[in-house]
C-alpha atoms as a PDB file:
ATOM      1  CA  UNK A   1       0.000   0.000   0.000  1.00  0.00           C
ATOM      2  CA  UNK A   2       2.798   2.409  -0.854  1.00  0.00           C
ATOM      3  CA  UNK A   3       0.745   4.965  -2.725  1.00  0.00           C
ATOM      4  CA  UNK A   4       1.311   8.710  -3.005  1.00  0.00           C
ATOM      5  CA  UNK A   5      -1.392   9.638  -0.510  1.00  0.00           C
ATOM      6  CA  UNK A   6       0.041   7.263   2.127  1.00  0.00           C
ATOM      7  CA  UNK A   7       3.470   8.836   1.638  1.00  0.00           C
ATOM      8  CA  UNK A   8       1.974  12.316   1.875  1.00  0.00           C
ATOM      9  CA  UNK A   9       0.264  11.392   5.159  1.00  0.00           C
ATOM     10  CA  UNK A  10       3.573  10.155   6.523  1.00  0.00           C
ATOM     11  CA  UNK A  11       5.402  13.335   5.498  1.00  0.00           C
ATOM     12  CA  UNK A  12       2.568  15.594   6.654  1.00  0.00           C
ATOM     13  CA  UNK A  13       1.712  13.704   9.843  1.00  0.00           C
ATOM     14  CA  UNK A  14       1.764  16.793  12.060  1.00  0.00           C
ATOM     15  CA  UNK A  15      -0.523  18.697   9.695  1.00  0.00           C
ATOM     16  CA  UNK A  16      -2.886  15.731   9.519  1.00  0.00           C
ATOM     17  CA  UNK A  17      -2.827  15.444  13.306  1.00  0.00           C
ATOM     18  CA  UNK A  18      -4.056  19.028  13.652  1.00  0.00           C
ATOM     19  CA  UNK A  19      -6.706  18.477  10.959  1.00  0.00           C
ATOM     20  CA  UNK A  20      -7.938  15.256  12.559  1.00  0.00           C
ATOM     21  CA  UNK A  21      -8.210  16.765  16.024  1.00  0.00           C
ATOM     22  CA  UNK A  22     -10.387  19.566  14.644  1.00  0.00           C
ATOM     23  CA  UNK A  23     -12.457  17.593  12.109  1.00  0.00           C
ATOM     24  CA  UNK A  24     -12.787  14.084  13.539  1.00  0.00           C
ATOM     25  CA  UNK A  25     -13.543  14.702  17.208  1.00  0.00           C
ATOM     26  CA  UNK A  26     -17.326  14.379  16.870  1.00  0.00           C
ATOM     27  CA  UNK A  27     -16.906  11.435  14.499  1.00  0.00           C
ATOM     28  CA  UNK A  28     -14.755   9.629  17.068  1.00  0.00           C
ATOM     29  CA  UNK A  29     -17.406  10.214  19.723  1.00  0.00           C
ATOM     30  CA  UNK A  30     -20.061   8.744  17.427  1.00  0.00           C
ATOM     31  CA  UNK A  31     -17.933   5.678  16.668  1.00  0.00           C
ATOM     32  CA  UNK A  32     -17.554   5.020  20.392  1.00  0.00           C
ATOM     33  CA  UNK A  33     -21.284   5.425  20.964  1.00  0.00           C
ATOM     34  CA  UNK A  34     -21.974   2.869  18.242  1.00  0.00           C
ATOM     35  CA  UNK A  35     -19.503   0.458  19.842  1.00  0.00           C
ATOM     36  CA  UNK A  36     -21.409   0.421  23.164  1.00  0.00           C
ATOM     37  CA  UNK A  37     -18.215  -0.735  24.860  1.00  0.00           C
ATOM     38  CA  UNK A  38     -18.315  -3.223  27.685  1.00  0.00           C
ATOM     39  CA  UNK A  39     -15.852  -4.074  30.453  1.00  0.00           C
ATOM     40  CA  UNK A  40     -12.628  -5.878  29.593  1.00  0.00           C
ATOM     41  CA  UNK A  41     -13.152  -5.640  25.848  1.00  0.00           C
ATOM     42  CA  UNK A  42     -10.074  -5.644  23.639  1.00  0.00           C
ATOM     43  CA  UNK A  43     -10.256  -2.890  21.017  1.00  0.00           C
ATOM     44  CA  UNK A  44      -8.240  -2.349  17.818  1.00  0.00           C
ATOM     45  CA  UNK A  45      -8.094   0.816  15.699  1.00  0.00           C
ATOM     46  CA  UNK A  46      -6.834   0.044  12.172  1.00  0.00           C
ATOM     47  CA  UNK A  47      -5.315   3.023  10.360  1.00  0.00           C
ATOM     48  CA  UNK A  48      -5.125   4.750  13.732  1.00  0.00           C
ATOM     49  CA  UNK A  49      -3.206   7.808  12.513  1.00  0.00           C
ATOM     50  CA  UNK A  50      -2.121  10.036  15.432  1.00  0.00           C
ATOM     51  CA  UNK A  51      -4.260   8.055  17.878  1.00  0.00           C
ATOM     52  CA  UNK A  52      -7.055  10.494  18.726  1.00  0.00           C
ATOM     53  CA  UNK A  53      -9.757   7.812  18.666  1.00  0.00           C
ATOM     54  CA  UNK A  54      -7.616   5.450  20.748  1.00  0.00           C
ATOM     55  CA  UNK A  55      -7.157   8.008  23.504  1.00  0.00           C
ATOM     56  CA  UNK A  56     -10.886   8.695  23.508  1.00  0.00           C
ATOM     57  CA  UNK A  57     -11.608   4.970  23.811  1.00  0.00           C
ATOM     58  CA  UNK A  58      -9.078   4.630  26.624  1.00  0.00           C
ATOM     59  CA  UNK A  59     -10.566   7.608  28.443  1.00  0.00           C
ATOM     60  CA  UNK A  60     -14.042   6.112  28.068  1.00  0.00           C
ATOM     61  CA  UNK A  61     -13.055   3.452  30.566  1.00  0.00           C
ATOM     62  CA  UNK A  62     -11.942   5.973  33.174  1.00  0.00           C
ATOM     63  CA  UNK A  63     -14.272   6.743  36.058  1.00  0.00           C
ATOM     64  CA  UNK A  64     -16.402   9.802  35.415  1.00  0.00           C
ATOM     65  CA  UNK A  65     -15.865   9.764  31.679  1.00  0.00           C
ATOM     66  CA  UNK A  66     -18.406  11.536  29.476  1.00  0.00           C
ATOM     67  CA  UNK A  67     -18.399   8.366  27.356  1.00  0.00           C
ATOM     68  CA  UNK A  68     -19.309   5.818  30.047  1.00  0.00           C
ATOM     69  CA  UNK A  69     -19.084   2.067  29.552  1.00  0.00           C
ATOM     70  CA  UNK A  70     -20.876  -0.718  31.390  1.00  0.00           C
ATOM     71  CA  UNK A  71     -18.704  -1.450  34.461  1.00  0.00           C
ATOM     72  CA  UNK A  72     -15.642   0.690  35.104  1.00  0.00           C
ATOM     73  CA  UNK A  73     -12.759  -1.695  34.420  1.00  0.00           C
ATOM     74  CA  UNK A  74      -9.681  -1.469  32.282  1.00  0.00           C
ATOM     75  CA  UNK A  75      -9.904  -1.719  28.516  1.00  0.00           C
ATOM     76  CA  UNK A  76      -7.114  -2.982  26.310  1.00  0.00           C
ATOM     77  CA  UNK A  77      -6.645  -0.579  23.410  1.00  0.00           C
ATOM     78  CA  UNK A  78      -4.476  -1.257  20.350  1.00  0.00           C
ATOM     79  CA  UNK A  79      -3.686   0.784  17.240  1.00  0.00           C
ATOM     80  CA  UNK A  80      -1.953   0.046  13.946  1.00  0.00           C
ATOM     81  CA  UNK A  81      -0.954   2.287  11.045  1.00  0.00           C
ATOM     82  CA  UNK A  82       1.239   2.008   7.950  1.00  0.00           C
ATOM     83  CA  UNK A  83       2.793   5.469   8.427  1.00  0.00           C
ATOM     84  CA  UNK A  84       5.766   5.514  10.856  1.00  0.00           C
ATOM     85  CA  UNK A  85       5.362   9.182  11.776  1.00  0.00           C
ATOM     86  CA  UNK A  86       1.694   8.679  12.635  1.00  0.00           C
ATOM     87  CA  UNK A  87       2.661   5.883  15.014  1.00  0.00           C
ATOM     88  CA  UNK A  88       5.406   8.038  16.543  1.00  0.00           C
ATOM     89  CA  UNK A  89       2.904  10.831  17.264  1.00  0.00           C
ATOM     90  CA  UNK A  90       0.370   8.372  18.685  1.00  0.00           C
ATOM     91  CA  UNK A  91       2.927   6.746  20.997  1.00  0.00           C
ATOM     92  CA  UNK A  92       4.186  10.099  22.238  1.00  0.00           C
ATOM     93  CA  UNK A  93       0.679  11.387  22.933  1.00  0.00           C
ATOM     94  CA  UNK A  94      -0.396   8.226  24.778  1.00  0.00           C
ATOM     95  CA  UNK A  95       2.729   8.428  26.955  1.00  0.00           C
ATOM     96  CA  UNK A  96       2.144  12.111  27.712  1.00  0.00           C
ATOM     97  CA  UNK A  97      -1.477  11.414  28.640  1.00  0.00           C
ATOM     98  CA  UNK A  98      -0.458   8.340  30.669  1.00  0.00           C
ATOM     99  CA  UNK A  99      -2.610   5.899  28.765  1.00  0.00           C
ATOM    100  CA  UNK A 100      -1.416   2.379  28.026  1.00  0.00           C
ATOM    101  CA  UNK A 101      -2.122   1.880  24.316  1.00  0.00           C
ATOM    102  CA  UNK A 102      -0.274  -0.727  22.262  1.00  0.00           C
ATOM    103  CA  UNK A 103       0.775   0.704  18.875  1.00  0.00           C
ATOM    104  CA  UNK A 104       2.262  -1.210  15.969  1.00  0.00           C
ATOM    105  CA  UNK A 105       3.516  -0.276  12.520  1.00  0.00           C
ATOM    106  CA  UNK A 106       1.808  -2.457   9.935  1.00  0.00           C
ATOM    107  CA  UNK A 107      -0.692  -3.011   7.150  1.00  0.00           C
ATOM    108  CA  UNK A 108      -4.426  -3.657   7.308  1.00  0.00           C
ATOM    109  CA  UNK A 109      -3.933  -6.503   4.818  1.00  0.00           C
ATOM    110  CA  UNK A 110      -1.624  -8.448   7.143  1.00  0.00           C
ATOM    111  CA  UNK A 111      -2.552  -7.723  10.734  1.00  0.00           C
ATOM    112  CA  UNK A 112       0.005  -8.946  13.310  1.00  0.00           C
ATOM    113  CA  UNK A 113      -2.611 -10.329  15.692  1.00  0.00           C
ATOM    114  CA  UNK A 114      -4.010 -13.735  16.625  1.00  0.00           C
ATOM    115  CA  UNK A 115      -7.269 -15.229  15.382  1.00  0.00           C
ATOM    116  CA  UNK A 116     -10.338 -14.071  17.329  1.00  0.00           C
ATOM    117  CA  UNK A 117      -8.278 -11.720  19.488  1.00  0.00           C
ATOM    118  CA  UNK A 118     -10.490  -8.608  19.520  1.00  0.00           C
ATOM    119  CA  UNK A 119     -13.991  -7.724  20.696  1.00  0.00           C
ATOM    120  CA  UNK A 120     -14.263  -4.453  18.750  1.00  0.00           C
ATOM    121  CA  UNK A 121     -12.467  -3.142  15.646  1.00  0.00           C
ATOM    122  CA  UNK A 122     -12.614   0.443  14.356  1.00  0.00           C
ATOM    123  CA  UNK A 123     -11.606   2.089  11.081  1.00  0.00           C
ATOM    124  CA  UNK A 124     -12.076   5.726  10.139  1.00  0.00           C
ATOM    125  CA  UNK A 125     -11.435   6.996   6.592  1.00  0.00           C
ATOM    126  CA  UNK A 126      -9.184   4.073   5.692  1.00  0.00           C
ATOM    127  CA  UNK A 127     -10.591   2.374   2.599  1.00  0.00           C
ATOM    128  CA  UNK A 128     -10.021   5.175   0.113  1.00  0.00           C
ATOM    129  CA  UNK A 129      -6.297   4.379   0.394  1.00  0.00           C
ATOM    130  CA  UNK A 130      -6.855   0.780  -0.728  1.00  0.00           C
ATOM    131  CA  UNK A 131      -7.408  -0.857  -4.085  1.00  0.00           C
ATOM    132  CA  UNK A 132     -10.169  -3.434  -4.494  1.00  0.00           C
ATOM    133  CA  UNK A 133      -8.013  -6.432  -3.566  1.00  0.00           C
ATOM    134  CA  UNK A 134      -6.706  -4.636  -0.477  1.00  0.00           C
ATOM    135  CA  UNK A 135     -10.243  -3.756   0.599  1.00  0.00           C
ATOM    136  CA  UNK A 136     -11.158  -7.426   0.287  1.00  0.00           C
ATOM    137  CA  UNK A 137      -8.065  -8.583   2.184  1.00  0.00           C
ATOM    138  CA  UNK A 138      -8.589  -5.981   4.925  1.00  0.00           C
ATOM    139  CA  UNK A 139     -12.126  -7.203   5.566  1.00  0.00           C
ATOM    140  CA  UNK A 140     -10.867 -10.784   5.549  1.00  0.00           C
ATOM    141  CA  UNK A 141      -8.240  -9.901   8.155  1.00  0.00           C
ATOM    142  CA  UNK A 142     -10.751  -8.036  10.331  1.00  0.00           C
ATOM    143  CA  UNK A 143     -13.009 -11.085  10.260  1.00  0.00           C
ATOM    144  CA  UNK A 144     -10.071 -13.279  11.267  1.00  0.00           C
ATOM    145  CA  UNK A 145      -9.054 -11.245  14.317  1.00  0.00           C
ATOM    146  CA  UNK A 146     -12.590 -10.553  15.583  1.00  0.00           C
ATOM    147  CA  UNK A 147     -14.266 -12.876  18.047  1.00  0.00           C
ATOM    148  CA  UNK A 148     -17.538 -14.519  17.035  1.00  0.00           C
ATOM    149  CA  UNK A 149     -20.563 -12.183  16.914  1.00  0.00           C
ATOM    150  CA  UNK A 150     -18.386  -9.154  17.696  1.00  0.00           C
ATOM    151  CA  UNK A 151     -18.452  -5.708  16.106  1.00  0.00           C
ATOM    152  CA  UNK A 152     -16.550  -3.923  13.378  1.00  0.00           C
ATOM    153  CA  UNK A 153     -17.449  -0.215  13.339  1.00  0.00           C
ATOM    154  CA  UNK A 154     -16.339   2.249  10.693  1.00  0.00           C
ATOM    155  CA  UNK A 155     -16.835   5.624   9.111  1.00  0.00           C
ATOM    156  CA  UNK A 156     -15.826   5.577   5.456  1.00  0.00           C
ATOM    157  CA  UNK A 157     -16.344   7.606   2.309  1.00  0.00           C
ATOM    158  CA  UNK A 158     -18.986   6.718  -0.200  1.00  0.00           C
ATOM    159  CA  UNK A 159     -18.157   6.920  -3.886  1.00  0.00           C
ATOM    160  CA  UNK A 160     -16.467  10.202  -4.762  1.00  0.00           C
ATOM    161  CA  UNK A 161     -17.810  12.512  -7.486  1.00  0.00           C
ATOM    162  CA  UNK A 162     -16.899  11.511 -11.042  1.00  0.00           C
ATOM    163  CA  UNK A 163     -16.294  15.041 -12.290  1.00  0.00           C
ATOM    164  CA  UNK A 164     -13.287  16.090 -14.346  1.00  0.00           C
ATOM    165  CA  UNK A 165     -11.323  17.489 -11.407  1.00  0.00           C
ATOM    166  CA  UNK A 166     -11.570  14.329  -9.302  1.00  0.00           C
ATOM    167  CA  UNK A 167     -10.855  12.032 -12.231  1.00  0.00           C
ATOM    168  CA  UNK A 168      -7.668  13.949 -13.098  1.00  0.00           C
ATOM    169  CA  UNK A 169      -6.564  14.258  -9.452  1.00  0.00           C
ATOM    170  CA  UNK A 170      -7.051  10.587  -8.684  1.00  0.00           C
ATOM    171  CA  UNK A 171      -5.367   9.494 -11.891  1.00  0.00           C
ATOM    172  CA  UNK A 172      -2.304  11.650 -11.206  1.00  0.00           C
ATOM    173  CA  UNK A 173      -1.907  11.074  -7.478  1.00  0.00           C
ATOM    174  CA  UNK A 174      -3.564   7.811  -6.486  1.00  0.00           C
ATOM    175  CA  UNK A 175      -2.877   5.394  -9.344  1.00  0.00           C
ATOM    176  CA  UNK A 176      -4.638   2.151  -8.507  1.00  0.00           C
ATOM    177  CA  UNK A 177      -5.442   3.135  -4.921  1.00  0.00           C
ATOM    178  CA  UNK A 178      -9.130   2.494  -5.489  1.00  0.00           C
ATOM    179  CA  UNK A 179     -10.098   5.842  -4.015  1.00  0.00           C
ATOM    180  CA  UNK A 180     -13.019   6.171  -6.441  1.00  0.00           C
ATOM    181  CA  UNK A 181     -14.563   3.111  -4.820  1.00  0.00           C
ATOM    182  CA  UNK A 182     -14.734   4.933  -1.481  1.00  0.00           C
ATOM    183  CA  UNK A 183     -16.479   2.697   1.018  1.00  0.00           C
ATOM    184  CA  UNK A 184     -15.799  -0.997   0.579  1.00  0.00           C
ATOM    185  CA  UNK A 185     -18.330  -2.561  -1.839  1.00  0.00           C
ATOM    186  CA  UNK A 186     -21.344  -4.195  -0.221  1.00  0.00           C
ATOM    187  CA  UNK A 187     -20.668  -7.544  -1.861  1.00  0.00           C
ATOM    188  CA  UNK A 188     -17.427  -7.807   0.120  1.00  0.00           C
ATOM    189  CA  UNK A 189     -19.453  -7.766   3.344  1.00  0.00           C
ATOM    190  CA  UNK A 190     -21.170 -11.035   2.489  1.00  0.00           C
ATOM    191  CA  UNK A 191     -18.040 -12.529   0.969  1.00  0.00           C
ATOM    192  CA  UNK A 192     -16.123 -11.960   4.196  1.00  0.00           C
ATOM    193  CA  UNK A 193     -18.948 -13.273   6.400  1.00  0.00           C
ATOM    194  CA  UNK A 194     -20.257 -10.114   8.021  1.00  0.00           C
ATOM    195  CA  UNK A 195     -23.769  -8.728   8.204  1.00  0.00           C
ATOM    196  CA  UNK A 196     -24.801  -5.080   8.532  1.00  0.00           C
ATOM    197  CA  UNK A 197     -26.256  -4.403  11.962  1.00  0.00           C
ATOM    198  CA  UNK A 198     -26.616  -0.664  11.423  1.00  0.00           C
ATOM    199  CA  UNK A 199     -25.848   1.933   8.742  1.00  0.00           C
ATOM    200  CA  UNK A 200     -26.110   5.685   9.306  1.00  0.00           C
ATOM    201  CA  UNK A 201     -25.371   8.625   7.023  1.00  0.00           C
ATOM    202  CA  UNK A 202     -22.260  10.421   8.233  1.00  0.00           C
ATOM    203  CA  UNK A 203     -20.965  13.957   7.731  1.00  0.00           C
ATOM    204  CA  UNK A 204     -19.761  15.256   4.379  1.00  0.00           C
ATOM    205  CA  UNK A 205     -16.338  16.750   3.691  1.00  0.00           C
ATOM    206  CA  UNK A 206     -16.032  19.692   1.283  1.00  0.00           C
ATOM    207  CA  UNK A 207     -19.834  19.421   0.836  1.00  0.00           C
ATOM    208  CA  UNK A 208     -19.718  16.550  -1.682  1.00  0.00           C
ATOM    209  CA  UNK A 209     -17.525  13.863  -0.117  1.00  0.00           C
ATOM    210  CA  UNK A 210     -20.188  11.886   1.706  1.00  0.00           C
ATOM    211  CA  UNK A 211     -19.571   9.304   4.416  1.00  0.00           C
ATOM    212  CA  UNK A 212     -21.417   6.455   6.129  1.00  0.00           C
ATOM    213  CA  UNK A 213     -21.155   4.823   9.523  1.00  0.00           C
ATOM    214  CA  UNK A 214     -21.492   1.046   9.470  1.00  0.00           C
ATOM    215  CA  UNK A 215     -21.704  -1.467  12.284  1.00  0.00           C
ATOM    216  CA  UNK A 216     -20.870  -4.949  10.990  1.00  0.00           C
ATOM    217  CA  UNK A 217     -21.227  -8.133  13.008  1.00  0.00           C
ATOM    218  CA  UNK A 218     -19.038 -11.164  12.399  1.00  0.00           C
ATOM    219  CA  UNK A 219     -21.099 -14.193  11.472  1.00  0.00           C
END
């Protein structure tokens, strides 16, 4: 997954960090609400970026949190990203905030975790970096690491506009990244043995880049 946009995110990690903190805060809150986290659940954030969602999840298990969970006990939070500088920022922030979050450098298509290891998996704006085969493999890997009947929760782009500007931009800068596919195709949900528990229209970016929240359950 060494495409131009991934490289740009690595180079511009600090800029992205500032953008994410301003633009994704409410989205992260909504993802956590949809997760309905329980005590002792093991949570993974794939494509974690600078770790804002992970810190919010970790804080949700602290007493008095504004995002309460059922039973105040420790949660095990993990994050993985393909961009080294994103991971560096996430590790530094977790240490500064005194939260124990396990970060790894790696790809969504080859997750370094055991079968049925996690209770909840998150992604946020990940799939537009992936081509069709990588989308398929990512869903396959998420299914592998999730426990039976557990949740995969995401916010992802729908299909981007097919106007001249976007077609030229994507052709020049994304190659075969599959960005025009946006959210993973519905047929991959059935192929990888999930079912849709809930789907909600999400916010739009730049007025015409629409998103959707999905809660998938592993069959």
